[in-house]
N, C-alpha and C. Protein backbone atom coordinates (compact mmCIF):
# COMPACT_ATOMS: atom_id res chain seq x y z
N MET A 1 0.83 -1.17 0.00
CA MET A 1 0.00 0.00 0.00
C MET A 1 0.88 1.24 0.00
N SER A 2 0.54 2.21 -0.85
CA SER A 2 1.30 3.45 -0.96
C SER A 2 0.52 4.59 -0.33
N VAL A 3 1.25 5.48 0.29
CA VAL A 3 0.65 6.68 0.85
C VAL A 3 1.14 7.86 0.02
N ILE A 4 0.23 8.66 -0.48
CA ILE A 4 0.59 9.83 -1.27
C ILE A 4 0.41 11.06 -0.39
N PHE A 5 1.49 11.81 -0.24
CA PHE A 5 1.46 13.02 0.57
C PHE A 5 1.52 14.22 -0.36
N LEU A 6 0.48 15.03 -0.37
CA LEU A 6 0.45 16.21 -1.22
C LEU A 6 0.69 17.46 -0.37
N ASP A 7 1.70 18.23 -0.74
CA ASP A 7 1.93 19.50 -0.07
C ASP A 7 0.79 20.45 -0.38
N LYS A 8 0.51 21.34 0.56
CA LYS A 8 -0.49 22.37 0.31
C LYS A 8 0.12 23.42 -0.60
N PRO A 9 -0.67 24.03 -1.45
CA PRO A 9 -0.12 25.07 -2.32
C PRO A 9 0.23 26.32 -1.52
N LYS A 10 1.25 27.06 -1.97
CA LYS A 10 1.66 28.29 -1.31
C LYS A 10 0.68 29.43 -1.58
N PHE A 11 0.04 29.40 -2.75
CA PHE A 11 -0.82 30.50 -3.18
C PHE A 11 -2.23 29.99 -3.42
N HIS A 12 -3.20 30.89 -3.38
CA HIS A 12 -4.60 30.50 -3.57
C HIS A 12 -5.23 31.37 -4.66
N GLN A 13 -6.41 30.97 -5.10
CA GLN A 13 -7.11 31.71 -6.15
C GLN A 13 -7.34 33.15 -5.71
N GLN A 14 -7.24 34.05 -6.66
CA GLN A 14 -7.43 35.49 -6.49
C GLN A 14 -6.31 36.18 -5.72
N GLU A 15 -5.27 35.44 -5.32
CA GLU A 15 -4.14 36.06 -4.62
C GLU A 15 -3.27 36.82 -5.62
N LYS A 16 -2.84 38.03 -5.24
CA LYS A 16 -1.96 38.82 -6.09
C LYS A 16 -0.53 38.32 -5.89
N VAL A 17 0.14 38.05 -7.00
CA VAL A 17 1.49 37.50 -6.96
C VAL A 17 2.40 38.26 -7.92
N SER A 18 3.70 38.06 -7.77
CA SER A 18 4.65 38.62 -8.71
C SER A 18 5.55 37.51 -9.21
N PHE A 19 6.19 37.76 -10.33
CA PHE A 19 7.06 36.78 -10.97
C PHE A 19 7.99 37.54 -11.89
N LEU A 20 9.02 36.87 -12.38
CA LEU A 20 9.95 37.51 -13.29
C LEU A 20 9.18 37.94 -14.52
N GLY A 21 9.08 39.23 -14.74
CA GLY A 21 8.37 39.73 -15.91
C GLY A 21 7.06 40.42 -15.60
N GLY A 22 6.62 40.41 -14.33
CA GLY A 22 5.39 41.12 -14.05
C GLY A 22 4.69 40.72 -12.77
N THR A 23 3.43 41.13 -12.70
CA THR A 23 2.57 40.81 -11.57
C THR A 23 1.23 40.34 -12.11
N GLY A 24 0.45 39.70 -11.25
CA GLY A 24 -0.85 39.23 -11.68
C GLY A 24 -1.64 38.63 -10.54
N LYS A 25 -2.69 37.91 -10.92
CA LYS A 25 -3.60 37.31 -9.95
C LYS A 25 -3.79 35.84 -10.30
N VAL A 26 -3.71 34.96 -9.30
CA VAL A 26 -3.90 33.53 -9.52
C VAL A 26 -5.35 33.26 -9.88
N LYS A 27 -5.57 32.64 -11.03
CA LYS A 27 -6.92 32.31 -11.48
C LYS A 27 -7.27 30.86 -11.16
N SER A 28 -6.29 29.96 -11.23
CA SER A 28 -6.55 28.55 -10.88
C SER A 28 -5.22 27.89 -10.57
N LEU A 29 -5.29 26.73 -9.95
CA LEU A 29 -4.10 25.95 -9.63
C LEU A 29 -4.43 24.48 -9.68
N GLN A 30 -3.41 23.69 -9.97
CA GLN A 30 -3.61 22.24 -9.98
C GLN A 30 -2.29 21.54 -9.69
N ARG A 31 -2.42 20.39 -9.09
CA ARG A 31 -1.25 19.57 -8.76
C ARG A 31 -0.86 18.79 -10.00
N GLU A 32 0.43 18.83 -10.35
CA GLU A 32 0.93 18.08 -11.50
C GLU A 32 2.27 17.48 -11.11
N ALA A 33 2.35 16.16 -11.15
CA ALA A 33 3.55 15.44 -10.71
C ALA A 33 3.85 15.84 -9.27
N ASN A 34 5.02 16.39 -9.00
CA ASN A 34 5.38 16.81 -7.64
C ASN A 34 5.42 18.32 -7.50
N ASN A 35 4.56 19.00 -8.24
CA ASN A 35 4.60 20.46 -8.25
C ASN A 35 3.21 21.04 -8.43
N TRP A 36 3.01 22.26 -7.96
CA TRP A 36 1.77 22.99 -8.20
C TRP A 36 1.97 23.86 -9.43
N ILE A 37 0.98 23.85 -10.33
CA ILE A 37 0.98 24.67 -11.52
C ILE A 37 -0.13 25.71 -11.37
N TYR A 38 0.20 26.97 -11.61
CA TYR A 38 -0.75 28.07 -11.42
C TYR A 38 -1.06 28.74 -12.76
N THR A 39 -2.31 29.06 -12.96
CA THR A 39 -2.72 29.90 -14.08
C THR A 39 -2.80 31.31 -13.51
N VAL A 40 -1.98 32.21 -14.04
CA VAL A 40 -1.89 33.57 -13.53
C VAL A 40 -2.30 34.55 -14.63
N GLU A 41 -3.24 35.41 -14.29
CA GLU A 41 -3.67 36.47 -15.22
C GLU A 41 -2.83 37.70 -14.92
N MET A 42 -2.06 38.12 -15.92
CA MET A 42 -1.18 39.27 -15.73
C MET A 42 -1.98 40.56 -15.62
N ASN A 43 -1.44 41.51 -14.84
CA ASN A 43 -2.05 42.83 -14.74
C ASN A 43 -1.92 43.55 -16.07
N MET A 44 -2.96 44.27 -16.44
CA MET A 44 -2.92 45.01 -17.69
C MET A 44 -2.30 46.39 -17.44
N GLY A 45 -1.59 46.86 -18.42
CA GLY A 45 -1.04 48.21 -18.35
C GLY A 45 -2.14 49.20 -18.72
N SER A 46 -1.74 50.42 -18.92
CA SER A 46 -2.73 51.42 -19.32
C SER A 46 -3.25 51.10 -20.72
N GLU A 47 -4.48 51.47 -20.98
CA GLU A 47 -5.12 51.15 -22.26
C GLU A 47 -4.52 52.00 -23.37
N PRO A 48 -4.12 51.36 -24.48
CA PRO A 48 -3.55 52.13 -25.58
C PRO A 48 -4.62 52.99 -26.27
N ASP A 49 -4.18 53.98 -27.06
CA ASP A 49 -5.09 54.89 -27.75
C ASP A 49 -6.09 54.16 -28.65
N PHE A 50 -5.66 53.05 -29.24
CA PHE A 50 -6.52 52.32 -30.17
C PHE A 50 -7.42 51.30 -29.48
N GLY A 51 -7.40 51.26 -28.15
CA GLY A 51 -8.29 50.36 -27.40
C GLY A 51 -7.71 48.96 -27.26
N ARG A 52 -8.47 48.11 -26.62
CA ARG A 52 -8.06 46.71 -26.41
C ARG A 52 -8.81 45.82 -27.38
N ILE A 53 -8.14 44.80 -27.85
CA ILE A 53 -8.76 43.86 -28.77
C ILE A 53 -9.17 42.57 -28.06
N GLY A 54 -8.36 42.10 -27.13
CA GLY A 54 -8.64 40.82 -26.49
C GLY A 54 -8.59 40.89 -24.98
N ALA A 55 -8.64 39.72 -24.38
CA ALA A 55 -8.62 39.60 -22.92
C ALA A 55 -7.20 39.77 -22.41
N GLU A 56 -7.06 39.75 -21.09
CA GLU A 56 -5.76 39.85 -20.46
C GLU A 56 -4.90 38.63 -20.83
N THR A 57 -3.61 38.77 -20.65
CA THR A 57 -2.70 37.66 -20.91
C THR A 57 -2.68 36.73 -19.71
N THR A 58 -2.84 35.44 -19.97
CA THR A 58 -2.81 34.44 -18.92
C THR A 58 -1.64 33.49 -19.19
N ILE A 59 -0.86 33.21 -18.14
CA ILE A 59 0.30 32.34 -18.29
C ILE A 59 0.26 31.22 -17.26
N LEU A 60 0.98 30.14 -17.53
CA LEU A 60 1.13 29.03 -16.59
C LEU A 60 2.50 29.13 -15.95
N LEU A 61 2.52 29.06 -14.62
CA LEU A 61 3.77 29.15 -13.88
C LEU A 61 3.85 28.06 -12.83
N GLU A 62 5.05 27.57 -12.59
CA GLU A 62 5.27 26.62 -11.50
C GLU A 62 5.44 27.41 -10.21
N GLU A 63 5.16 26.75 -9.09
CA GLU A 63 5.18 27.43 -7.80
C GLU A 63 6.50 28.13 -7.50
N GLN A 64 7.62 27.52 -7.85
CA GLN A 64 8.92 28.13 -7.55
C GLN A 64 9.18 29.39 -8.37
N ASP A 65 8.37 29.67 -9.39
CA ASP A 65 8.54 30.86 -10.22
C ASP A 65 7.72 32.05 -9.73
N ILE A 66 6.99 31.87 -8.62
CA ILE A 66 6.07 32.89 -8.12
C ILE A 66 6.46 33.30 -6.71
N CYS A 67 6.23 34.57 -6.38
CA CYS A 67 6.36 35.03 -5.00
C CYS A 67 5.20 35.96 -4.68
N LYS A 68 4.95 36.17 -3.40
CA LYS A 68 3.85 37.06 -2.99
C LYS A 68 4.15 38.47 -3.48
N LYS A 69 3.10 39.14 -3.95
CA LYS A 69 3.26 40.50 -4.43
C LYS A 69 3.57 41.42 -3.27
N GLN A 70 4.60 42.25 -3.45
CA GLN A 70 4.99 43.22 -2.45
C GLN A 70 4.03 44.41 -2.53
N ILE A 71 3.60 44.89 -1.37
CA ILE A 71 2.71 46.06 -1.32
C ILE A 71 3.56 47.32 -1.40
N ASP A 72 3.23 48.19 -2.34
CA ASP A 72 3.97 49.44 -2.51
C ASP A 72 3.74 50.34 -1.30
N ALA A 73 4.79 51.01 -0.84
CA ALA A 73 4.70 51.91 0.31
C ALA A 73 4.20 53.29 -0.08
N ASN A 74 4.12 53.56 -1.38
CA ASN A 74 3.67 54.89 -1.85
C ASN A 74 2.19 55.04 -1.78
């Protein structure tokens, strides 16, 4: 008989996070092999003069590629 031990994820849905290349919000997460995979919706910049054509950019990141978003002191 095997016992499977799953670590709890570090981040949860709707949590604001940062990563190399930007910041965003966790939209979903799932366990894959021995790692948590997060779907992160990146924060949008200011709207360009010609408007927006599509939705926000969403990327997949492994847990070790994410850290908690730092709160600006300004």
